[in-house]
Amino acid sequence: MDKINDNKVQWNSYFSFLFSMIGAAIGLGNIWRYPYVLYSNGRGTFLIVYLISILVVGIPFLLLEYSVGFKFNTSIPKIFKTINSKLEVIGWFIVVLPFLILTYYVCVIGWDGIYFILSFFKGWGTNTDYFFSQTLLQSTNSTTGLTNLVLPCLASVLIVWFIIWFISHRDLNDGIGKVNKIMIPAIFLIMGVIVFFSLTLKGASFGLTTLFNPDWNEIYNPHIWIAAISQIIFSLAIGEGIILTYSSYLPKNSKLTDNAITIISINCGFELFAAIGVFSILGFMATTTGIDITQIISEGTGLAFVVFPEILNIMGSTAYIIGPLFFLCIFLAGLTSAIAYLESVIYAVEEKFNFPRKKATTYLCLIGATMTIIFTTGMGIHILEVADKFLNYIGGIFSIILELIIFSWLFRSDELLNTLNNNSTVKIGEWWVILIKYVLPTILFCLWINELINMFNTSNFKLITNIFLSLILISIPLILKIKS
């Protein structure tokens, strides 16, 4: 089977593709989620489990999406429609999923933008927890919070959406390609400065010893393996249409396997590098304040917007350098992932409705910005937390399972194997076919069932929100499929 669309736009250089793929992979999860997951799941032992999970789950599935995107050379809904016209709705499901994630992801980037400004004068005050939850977010569990629009959050989100639109509405290489070639080196440079500085802090060695000290008894704990696989899915953005879309822009002579291994190696290396910096700084705080590190460590928004400002408060004058660098690094990492989330949707809408890129991007950004408003209300962070868990773990894992079944069973997996090996230096054998047809679907189905059970064993608010999100994920793809 030849590539479907040989006249479409392509990456104009290997580095445009490489930096864009790295930008898609390196996001908020690498900086504020991975260190916590590593620490709370066996510490040094987790690294062994994580490496095995990368080999068994991460690389095989990454290669699957690379081969499919490259072979079909078209938008995701059209890929599924080409395999079987009845499957187009699944393609739209996979496209809608990252768009919904993007609607709250930009909100976190917006918060970070506010903290970037505050970091120049430590504007969060002494009670960082209260400032984040009450002063900034005006957070409340009451449904009356939906009527309270938090204007600073709304303004920051609209600015982020404008930046995303400004980058994405341009041609592929003039927009995404050019911006990523600037932002990715900047992210690595900034993180390098932060890590180098953190290693000079008093207590850094204590933080690193705490992080990497292995708990060998945990290696047989199934929860550790679930955590490792979940982190791989979250970090690499697999099953969210990004890889399928970006690889569809590759020229004919691309080395798919070599690219996949390079990108996953850089992503995992960056995660570990960031963890070294984070825990060196946490070790400094534990040593300086006398507070046990287990009471300090947090993940997600707690680490970035509560714990880190606390550390900056006791750091002295250097905080006015490290603080802005830290929040700028998060902002850039979040932005590169955000434009990747949007790209697969833009391409799908372009092909489905025959829209020019600028028009498709403008419509999608307007729709996305409107949907984001709910996350800028007093209940925003509570809805965000529920949506994040549901879309990434329930929706995301289900998306991966669908891809595995359709691409390895309904399509000819031997063709995909040939596609991978055609120009690559590293050759893939039949073991890959066994993994994607049998091993991965079994592992991920068990993981998905576990998450599904947890979804129903929750509060009424979370359950209602999850059901509402489920209806969106089902209804919108069905509506989009109607137009043939």
Protein backbone atom coordinates (compact mmCIF):
# COMPACT_ATOMS: atom_id res chain seq x y z
CA MET A 1 0.00 0.00 0.00
CA ASP A 2 1.48 3.35 -1.05
CA LYS A 3 1.20 6.52 0.95
CA ILE A 4 -2.20 8.09 0.42
CA ASN A 5 -1.32 11.74 0.05
CA ASP A 6 2.05 12.51 -1.50
CA ASN A 7 1.31 16.21 -2.14
CA LYS A 8 0.60 17.29 1.41
CA VAL A 9 2.86 19.48 3.54
CA GLN A 10 5.89 17.82 5.12
CA TRP A 11 8.49 18.67 7.72
CA ASN A 12 11.20 20.68 5.95
CA SER A 13 13.99 19.23 8.11
CA TYR A 14 14.72 16.37 10.47
CA PHE A 15 15.17 18.81 13.35
CA SER A 16 11.73 20.36 12.82
CA PHE A 17 10.21 16.93 13.32
CA LEU A 18 12.58 15.91 16.13
CA PHE A 19 12.06 19.06 18.19
CA SER A 20 8.30 18.99 17.60
CA MET A 21 8.06 15.39 18.77
CA ILE A 22 10.22 16.15 21.81
CA GLY A 23 8.00 19.16 22.50
CA ALA A 24 4.90 16.96 22.35
CA ALA A 25 6.43 14.47 24.79
CA ILE A 26 8.07 16.90 27.21
CA GLY A 27 5.30 18.66 29.07
CA LEU A 28 4.00 19.33 32.55
CA GLY A 29 4.13 15.64 33.49
CA ASN A 30 7.90 15.42 33.02
CA ILE A 31 8.63 18.26 35.42
CA TRP A 32 6.08 17.95 38.19
CA ARG A 33 4.61 14.44 37.95
CA TYR A 34 7.51 12.11 37.23
CA PRO A 35 9.63 13.00 40.31
CA TYR A 36 6.68 12.26 42.62
CA VAL A 37 5.78 9.02 40.83
CA LEU A 38 9.40 7.86 40.99
CA TYR A 39 9.67 8.67 44.70
CA SER A 40 6.33 7.21 45.80
CA ASN A 41 6.70 3.95 43.84
CA GLY A 42 9.82 2.29 45.13
CA ARG A 43 12.25 5.12 44.35
CA GLY A 44 15.35 3.58 42.71
CA THR A 45 13.45 0.34 42.16
CA PHE A 46 10.95 2.23 40.03
CA LEU A 47 13.67 3.01 37.48
CA ILE A 48 14.06 -0.72 36.72
CA VAL A 49 10.30 -1.22 36.41
CA TYR A 50 10.05 1.93 34.28
CA LEU A 51 12.80 0.77 31.91
CA ILE A 52 11.12 -2.64 31.42
CA SER A 53 7.76 -0.93 30.85
CA ILE A 54 9.33 1.34 28.21
CA LEU A 55 10.71 -1.69 26.36
CA VAL A 56 7.46 -3.67 26.59
CA VAL A 57 4.84 -0.91 26.27
CA GLY A 58 6.36 2.47 25.35
CA ILE A 59 8.59 1.65 22.38
CA PRO A 60 6.29 -0.96 20.76
CA PHE A 61 3.27 1.34 20.80
CA LEU A 62 5.29 4.37 19.73
CA LEU A 63 6.50 2.32 16.73
CA LEU A 64 2.91 1.34 15.94
CA GLU A 65 1.75 4.96 15.77
CA TYR A 66 4.85 5.97 13.79
CA SER A 67 4.28 3.27 11.19
CA VAL A 68 0.55 3.95 10.82
CA GLY A 69 0.91 7.75 10.59
CA PHE A 70 3.76 7.46 8.10
CA LYS A 71 2.09 4.81 5.91
CA PHE A 72 -1.31 6.47 5.61
CA ASN A 73 0.04 10.03 5.43
CA THR A 74 -3.32 11.60 6.24
CA SER A 75 -5.50 12.80 9.12
CA ILE A 76 -6.57 10.39 11.86
CA PRO A 77 -10.29 10.07 10.96
CA LYS A 78 -9.29 9.44 7.35
CA ILE A 79 -6.85 6.72 8.43
CA PHE A 80 -9.62 4.81 10.15
CA LYS A 81 -12.05 5.48 7.31
CA THR A 82 -9.52 4.04 4.84
CA ILE A 83 -9.25 0.84 6.86
CA ASN A 84 -13.04 0.58 7.14
CA SER A 85 -15.58 3.34 6.49
CA LYS A 86 -17.45 2.41 9.68
CA LEU A 87 -14.35 3.12 11.77
CA GLU A 88 -14.19 6.85 11.03
CA VAL A 89 -16.06 7.57 14.27
CA ILE A 90 -13.18 6.01 16.24
CA GLY A 91 -10.76 8.32 14.46
CA TRP A 92 -12.83 11.30 15.61
CA PHE A 93 -12.90 9.88 19.15
CA ILE A 94 -9.09 9.87 19.16
CA VAL A 95 -9.05 13.45 17.83
CA VAL A 96 -11.66 14.82 20.25
CA LEU A 97 -9.87 13.33 23.27
CA PRO A 98 -6.72 15.55 23.10
CA PHE A 99 -8.86 18.59 22.29
CA LEU A 100 -10.80 18.10 25.53
CA ILE A 101 -7.52 17.65 27.41
CA LEU A 102 -6.28 20.88 25.85
CA THR A 103 -9.26 22.84 27.22
CA TYR A 104 -8.00 22.44 30.78
CA TYR A 105 -4.30 22.05 29.98
CA VAL A 106 -4.17 25.69 28.86
CA CYS A 107 -5.60 26.66 32.24
CA VAL A 108 -2.58 25.20 34.04
CA ILE A 109 -0.27 26.97 31.60
CA GLY A 110 -2.17 30.18 32.39
CA TRP A 111 -1.67 29.72 36.14
CA ASP A 112 2.01 29.17 35.49
CA GLY A 113 2.17 32.39 33.49
CA ILE A 114 0.78 34.26 36.51
CA TYR A 115 3.36 32.63 38.78
CA PHE A 116 6.12 33.56 36.36
CA ILE A 117 5.24 37.22 36.91
CA LEU A 118 4.82 36.75 40.67
CA SER A 119 8.20 35.03 40.94
CA PHE A 120 10.05 38.30 40.31
CA PHE A 121 8.82 39.66 43.66
CA LYS A 122 7.47 36.54 45.46
CA GLY A 123 3.94 37.84 45.09
CA TRP A 124 2.39 34.70 46.59
CA GLY A 125 3.23 35.77 50.15
CA THR A 126 4.08 33.48 53.06
CA ASN A 127 1.05 31.17 52.96
CA THR A 128 1.52 29.68 49.50
CA ASP A 129 -1.24 27.09 49.88
CA TYR A 130 -3.86 29.69 50.79
CA PHE A 131 -2.69 32.04 48.05
CA PHE A 132 -3.00 29.38 45.34
CA SER A 133 -6.33 27.86 46.36
CA GLN A 134 -8.14 30.91 47.70
CA THR A 135 -6.51 34.15 46.56
CA LEU A 136 -5.76 33.09 42.99
CA LEU A 137 -8.27 30.34 42.19
CA GLN A 138 -10.98 31.33 44.72
CA SER A 139 -11.61 27.60 44.98
CA THR A 140 -14.83 26.19 46.42
CA ASN A 141 -16.56 22.79 46.45
CA SER A 142 -19.96 24.42 46.16
CA THR A 143 -21.73 24.51 42.81
CA THR A 144 -22.22 28.24 43.39
CA GLY A 145 -18.58 28.51 42.42
CA LEU A 146 -19.64 27.98 38.80
CA THR A 147 -21.10 31.49 38.82
CA ASN A 148 -17.86 33.04 40.10
CA LEU A 149 -15.63 33.85 37.17
CA VAL A 150 -12.01 34.39 38.32
CA LEU A 151 -10.86 37.21 36.06
CA PRO A 152 -7.05 36.86 36.45
CA CYS A 153 -7.32 33.16 35.49
CA LEU A 154 -9.61 33.96 32.57
CA ALA A 155 -7.26 36.65 31.27
CA SER A 156 -4.21 34.36 31.51
CA VAL A 157 -6.03 31.54 29.72
CA LEU A 158 -7.14 33.81 26.86
CA ILE A 159 -3.53 34.97 26.44
CA VAL A 160 -2.36 31.34 26.25
CA TRP A 161 -5.04 30.52 23.68
CA PHE A 162 -3.93 33.52 21.60
CA ILE A 163 -0.30 32.33 21.69
CA ILE A 164 -1.39 28.83 20.62
CA TRP A 165 -3.45 30.32 17.78
CA PHE A 166 -0.60 32.63 16.71
CA ILE A 167 1.78 29.67 16.41
CA SER A 168 -0.64 27.08 15.02
CA HIS A 169 -2.46 29.09 12.35
CA ARG A 170 0.76 29.44 10.35
CA ASP A 171 2.06 26.80 7.96
CA LEU A 172 3.51 23.71 9.65
CA ASN A 173 7.19 24.63 9.32
CA ASP A 174 6.77 28.39 9.77
CA GLY A 175 4.70 27.87 12.90
CA ILE A 176 5.14 24.68 14.91
CA GLY A 177 8.44 23.65 13.32
CA LYS A 178 10.18 27.01 13.75
CA VAL A 179 8.88 27.67 17.27
CA ASN A 180 9.87 24.23 18.56
CA LYS A 181 13.41 24.66 17.22
CA ILE A 182 13.65 27.66 19.54
CA MET A 183 11.66 26.51 22.57
CA ILE A 184 13.05 22.97 22.98
CA PRO A 185 16.71 24.06 23.23
CA ALA A 186 15.53 26.84 25.59
CA ILE A 187 13.76 24.30 27.83
CA PHE A 188 16.85 22.11 28.03
CA LEU A 189 19.10 25.09 28.69
CA ILE A 190 16.86 26.44 31.45
CA MET A 191 16.47 23.04 33.09
CA GLY A 192 20.25 22.59 32.89
CA VAL A 193 20.77 25.86 34.80
CA ILE A 194 18.19 24.86 37.43
CA VAL A 195 19.69 21.39 37.95
CA PHE A 196 23.26 22.71 38.10
CA PHE A 197 22.23 25.28 40.70
CA SER A 198 20.17 22.77 42.69
CA LEU A 199 23.16 20.43 43.02
CA THR A 200 25.12 23.20 44.76
CA LEU A 201 22.47 23.65 47.47
CA LYS A 202 22.96 22.44 51.01
CA GLY A 203 20.99 19.20 51.41
CA ALA A 204 21.00 18.32 47.70
CA SER A 205 22.72 14.99 48.36
CA PHE A 206 20.11 14.16 51.00
CA GLY A 207 17.34 14.79 48.46
CA LEU A 208 18.99 12.58 45.85
CA THR A 209 19.66 9.78 48.35
CA THR A 210 15.99 9.91 49.32
CA LEU A 211 14.94 9.78 45.67
CA PHE A 212 17.14 6.95 44.45
CA ASN A 213 17.40 4.75 47.56
CA PRO A 214 15.76 1.52 46.25
CA ASP A 215 13.04 -0.41 47.99
CA TRP A 216 13.57 -3.84 46.44
CA ASN A 217 10.46 -5.32 48.08
CA GLU A 218 8.35 -3.07 45.90
CA ILE A 219 9.53 -4.53 42.59
CA TYR A 220 6.84 -7.24 42.82
CA ASN A 221 4.11 -4.77 43.74
CA PRO A 222 1.59 -4.60 40.84
CA HIS A 223 0.78 -0.99 41.72
CA ILE A 224 4.38 -0.04 40.86
CA TRP A 225 3.99 -1.54 37.40
CA ILE A 226 0.65 0.20 36.90
CA ALA A 227 2.27 3.50 37.94
CA ALA A 228 5.15 2.97 35.49
CA ILE A 229 2.88 2.15 32.55
CA SER A 230 0.58 5.05 33.40
CA GLN A 231 3.53 7.45 33.50
CA ILE A 232 4.72 6.24 30.10
CA ILE A 233 1.27 6.78 28.59
CA PHE A 234 0.97 10.22 30.19
CA SER A 235 4.51 11.33 29.37
CA LEU A 236 4.76 10.17 25.76
CA ALA A 237 1.21 11.30 24.87
CA ILE A 238 0.58 7.99 23.13
CA GLY A 239 -2.96 7.22 22.05
CA GLU A 240 -3.78 10.93 21.76
CA GLY A 241 -3.30 11.36 18.02
CA ILE A 242 -0.18 13.52 18.27
CA ILE A 243 2.29 10.87 17.09
CA LEU A 244 -0.03 9.69 14.31
CA THR A 245 -0.32 13.27 13.05
CA TYR A 246 3.30 14.37 13.37
CA SER A 247 4.60 11.16 11.74
CA SER A 248 2.19 11.65 8.83
CA TYR A 249 4.17 14.78 7.91
CA LEU A 250 7.43 12.80 7.51
CA PRO A 251 9.12 12.51 4.09
CA LYS A 252 9.42 9.10 2.39
CA ASN A 253 12.99 8.26 3.38
CA SER A 254 12.50 8.73 7.14
CA LYS A 255 14.09 6.30 9.61
CA LEU A 256 11.06 5.58 11.77
CA THR A 257 12.57 3.17 14.31
CA ASP A 258 15.68 5.31 14.79
CA ASN A 259 13.51 8.39 15.35
CA ALA A 260 11.28 6.64 17.87
CA ILE A 261 14.20 5.36 19.94
CA THR A 262 15.88 8.77 19.86
CA ILE A 263 12.77 10.60 21.03
CA ILE A 264 11.87 8.17 23.80
CA SER A 265 15.48 8.24 25.05
CA ILE A 266 15.54 12.04 25.16
CA ASN A 267 12.15 12.18 26.87
CA CYS A 268 13.12 9.68 29.58
CA GLY A 269 16.48 11.36 30.06
CA PHE A 270 14.80 14.73 30.53
CA GLU A 271 12.39 13.25 33.09
CA LEU A 272 15.23 11.84 35.14
CA PHE A 273 17.22 15.06 34.80
CA ALA A 274 14.25 17.11 36.03
CA ALA A 275 13.74 14.71 38.96
CA ILE A 276 17.36 15.26 40.03
CA GLY A 277 16.78 19.01 40.09
CA VAL A 278 13.44 18.81 41.92
CA PHE A 279 14.68 16.48 44.64
CA SER A 280 17.92 18.39 45.14
CA ILE A 281 15.79 21.46 45.86
CA LEU A 282 13.42 19.45 48.10
CA GLY A 283 16.46 18.14 49.98
CA PHE A 284 17.55 21.75 50.50
CA MET A 285 14.18 22.66 51.98
CA ALA A 286 14.08 19.59 54.24
CA THR A 287 17.58 20.32 55.52
CA THR A 288 16.94 24.04 56.00
CA THR A 289 13.55 23.80 57.71
CA GLY A 290 13.92 20.46 59.48
CA ILE A 291 10.66 19.24 57.92
CA ASP A 292 10.62 15.60 56.82
CA ILE A 293 10.84 15.34 53.03
CA THR A 294 7.78 13.07 53.01
CA GLN A 295 5.75 16.05 54.25
CA ILE A 296 7.13 18.29 51.52
CA ILE A 297 6.96 16.19 48.38
CA SER A 298 3.87 16.63 46.25
CA GLU A 299 2.91 16.23 42.60
CA GLY A 300 1.20 18.34 40.01
CA THR A 301 -0.12 21.75 40.96
CA GLY A 302 0.83 21.18 44.61
CA LEU A 303 4.51 20.87 43.74
CA ALA A 304 4.62 23.76 41.26
CA PHE A 305 2.32 26.30 42.90
CA VAL A 306 2.55 25.53 46.62
CA VAL A 307 5.76 23.67 47.51
CA PHE A 308 8.14 25.40 45.09
CA PRO A 309 7.06 28.93 46.10
CA GLU A 310 7.61 27.88 49.74
CA ILE A 311 11.15 26.86 48.83
CA LEU A 312 11.74 30.12 46.97
CA ASN A 313 10.60 32.01 50.08
CA ILE A 314 13.51 30.58 52.10
CA MET A 315 16.07 30.57 49.30
CA GLY A 316 17.19 34.18 49.49
CA SER A 317 18.13 36.47 46.61
CA THR A 318 18.91 33.61 44.19
CA ALA A 319 15.18 32.82 44.24
CA TYR A 320 14.64 35.83 41.99
CA ILE A 321 16.64 34.03 39.31
CA ILE A 322 15.68 30.38 39.86
CA GLY A 323 11.98 31.18 40.36
CA PRO A 324 11.41 32.88 36.99
CA LEU A 325 13.52 30.22 35.25
CA PHE A 326 11.49 27.40 36.82
CA PHE A 327 8.11 28.85 35.86
CA LEU A 328 9.35 29.84 32.40
CA CYS A 329 10.53 26.25 31.84
CA ILE A 330 7.09 24.90 32.81
CA PHE A 331 5.39 27.48 30.58
CA LEU A 332 7.44 26.58 27.52
CA ALA A 333 7.09 22.83 28.13
CA GLY A 334 3.34 23.21 28.52
CA LEU A 335 3.08 25.34 25.40
CA THR A 336 4.95 22.86 23.17
CA SER A 337 2.59 20.10 24.32
CA ALA A 338 -0.48 22.31 23.87
CA ILE A 339 0.25 23.07 20.22
CA ALA A 340 0.81 19.34 19.66
CA TYR A 341 -2.61 18.54 21.17
CA LEU A 342 -4.25 20.99 18.79
CA GLU A 343 -2.40 19.93 15.64
CA SER A 344 -4.16 16.58 15.17
CA VAL A 345 -7.54 18.35 15.46
CA ILE A 346 -6.56 21.07 12.98
CA TYR A 347 -5.46 18.51 10.41
CA ALA A 348 -8.63 16.45 10.83
CA VAL A 349 -10.91 19.49 10.47
CA GLU A 350 -8.91 20.74 7.45
CA GLU A 351 -9.42 17.46 5.60
CA LYS A 352 -13.00 16.79 6.71
CA PHE A 353 -14.47 20.22 5.96
CA ASN A 354 -11.95 21.41 3.36
CA PHE A 355 -11.05 24.41 5.54
CA PRO A 356 -7.82 26.35 5.05
CA ARG A 357 -5.45 25.96 8.01
CA LYS A 358 -5.99 29.48 9.36
CA LYS A 359 -9.78 29.11 9.38
CA ALA A 360 -9.69 25.68 11.04
CA THR A 361 -7.25 26.92 13.70
CA THR A 362 -9.28 30.05 14.43
CA TYR A 363 -12.55 28.14 14.85
CA LEU A 364 -10.96 25.52 17.07
CA CYS A 365 -9.22 28.07 19.30
CA LEU A 366 -12.46 30.02 19.72
CA ILE A 367 -14.35 26.84 20.63
CA GLY A 368 -11.58 25.71 22.95
CA ALA A 369 -11.32 29.08 24.69
CA THR A 370 -15.09 29.08 25.27
CA MET A 371 -14.98 25.58 26.77
CA THR A 372 -12.04 26.57 28.99
CA ILE A 373 -14.11 29.21 30.77
CA ILE A 374 -15.61 26.60 33.13
CA PHE A 375 -12.11 25.89 34.47
CA THR A 376 -11.65 29.58 35.33
CA THR A 377 -14.57 29.57 37.78
CA GLY A 378 -14.44 28.95 41.52
CA MET A 379 -15.08 25.25 40.92
CA GLY A 380 -12.57 25.13 38.09
CA ILE A 381 -9.76 23.23 39.78
CA HIS A 382 -12.14 20.56 41.12
CA ILE A 383 -13.62 19.97 37.66
CA LEU A 384 -10.12 20.03 36.19
CA GLU A 385 -8.83 17.31 38.52
CA VAL A 386 -11.74 15.00 37.67
CA ALA A 387 -11.48 15.69 33.93
CA ASP A 388 -7.71 15.13 33.97
CA LYS A 389 -7.96 11.70 35.57
CA PHE A 390 -10.91 10.58 33.43
CA LEU A 391 -9.60 11.78 30.05
CA ASN A 392 -6.03 10.58 30.57
CA TYR A 393 -6.68 7.24 32.23
CA ILE A 394 -10.16 6.13 31.15
CA GLY A 395 -10.32 7.84 27.75
CA GLY A 396 -6.60 7.68 26.98
CA ILE A 397 -6.09 3.99 27.76
CA PHE A 398 -9.30 3.07 25.90
CA SER A 399 -8.00 5.01 22.88
CA ILE A 400 -4.76 2.99 22.95
CA ILE A 401 -6.66 -0.30 23.18
CA LEU A 402 -8.78 0.66 20.15
CA GLU A 403 -5.67 1.51 18.14
CA LEU A 404 -3.99 -1.76 19.08
CA ILE A 405 -6.99 -3.83 18.04
CA ILE A 406 -7.68 -1.99 14.77
CA PHE A 407 -4.08 -1.49 13.58
CA SER A 408 -2.76 -4.92 14.54
CA TRP A 409 -5.84 -7.08 13.83
CA LEU A 410 -7.99 -5.33 11.23
CA PHE A 411 -5.01 -3.98 9.30
CA ARG A 412 -2.01 -6.02 8.16
CA SER A 413 0.62 -5.77 10.87
CA ASP A 414 3.25 -7.31 8.56
CA GLU A 415 2.89 -4.25 6.29
CA LEU A 416 3.53 -1.98 9.25
CA LEU A 417 6.59 -4.05 10.15
CA ASN A 418 7.95 -3.55 6.63
CA THR A 419 7.21 0.19 6.88
CA LEU A 420 9.27 0.42 10.07
CA ASN A 421 12.22 -1.52 8.64
CA ASN A 422 12.37 0.03 5.15
CA ASN A 423 14.77 2.88 5.88
CA SER A 424 15.65 2.33 9.54
CA THR A 425 19.09 1.39 10.80
CA VAL A 426 17.54 -0.46 13.75
CA LYS A 427 15.43 -3.35 12.47
CA ILE A 428 12.34 -4.69 14.24
CA GLY A 429 11.50 -8.40 14.30
CA GLU A 430 8.34 -10.48 14.62
CA TRP A 431 8.45 -10.03 18.40
CA TRP A 432 6.96 -6.58 17.80
CA VAL A 433 3.89 -8.06 16.12
CA ILE A 434 3.36 -10.42 19.07
CA LEU A 435 3.60 -7.52 21.51
CA ILE A 436 1.09 -5.27 19.75
CA LYS A 437 -1.38 -8.07 18.96
CA TYR A 438 -1.40 -9.97 22.24
CA VAL A 439 0.73 -8.60 25.08
CA LEU A 440 -0.11 -4.87 25.00
CA PRO A 441 -3.89 -5.25 24.59
CA THR A 442 -3.99 -7.66 27.54
CA ILE A 443 -1.90 -5.44 29.82
CA LEU A 444 -3.76 -2.26 28.95
CA PHE A 445 -7.21 -3.83 29.14
CA CYS A 446 -6.48 -4.96 32.72
CA LEU A 447 -5.22 -1.48 33.54
CA TRP A 448 -8.30 0.11 31.97
CA ILE A 449 -10.71 -2.13 33.89
CA ASN A 450 -8.91 -1.20 37.12
CA GLU A 451 -9.32 2.51 36.35
CA LEU A 452 -12.95 2.00 35.33
CA ILE A 453 -13.75 0.33 38.65
CA ASN A 454 -12.08 3.18 40.50
CA MET A 455 -14.16 5.66 38.51
CA PHE A 456 -17.41 4.22 39.83
CA ASN A 457 -16.11 3.98 43.40
CA THR A 458 -16.08 7.73 43.83
CA SER A 459 -18.19 10.71 44.92
CA ASN A 460 -21.39 11.72 43.13
CA PHE A 461 -19.76 14.90 41.80
CA LYS A 462 -16.91 12.96 40.20
CA LEU A 463 -19.23 10.29 38.85
CA ILE A 464 -21.60 12.84 37.28
CA THR A 465 -18.65 14.71 35.74
CA ASN A 466 -17.23 11.46 34.34
CA ILE A 467 -20.58 10.48 32.83
CA PHE A 468 -20.91 13.94 31.25
CA LEU A 469 -17.43 13.65 29.74
CA SER A 470 -18.29 10.17 28.46
CA LEU A 471 -21.34 11.55 26.65
CA ILE A 472 -19.19 14.25 25.02
CA LEU A 473 -16.60 11.71 23.90
CA ILE A 474 -19.33 9.59 22.33
CA SER A 475 -21.66 12.24 20.85
CA ILE A 476 -19.17 14.62 19.19
CA PRO A 477 -17.42 11.89 17.12
CA LEU A 478 -20.82 10.59 16.01
CA ILE A 479 -21.88 14.09 14.93
CA LEU A 480 -18.61 14.71 13.08
CA LYS A 481 -18.94 11.42 11.21
CA ILE A 482 -22.33 12.41 9.80
CA LYS A 483 -20.78 14.68 7.17
CA SER A 484 -19.35 12.28 4.58
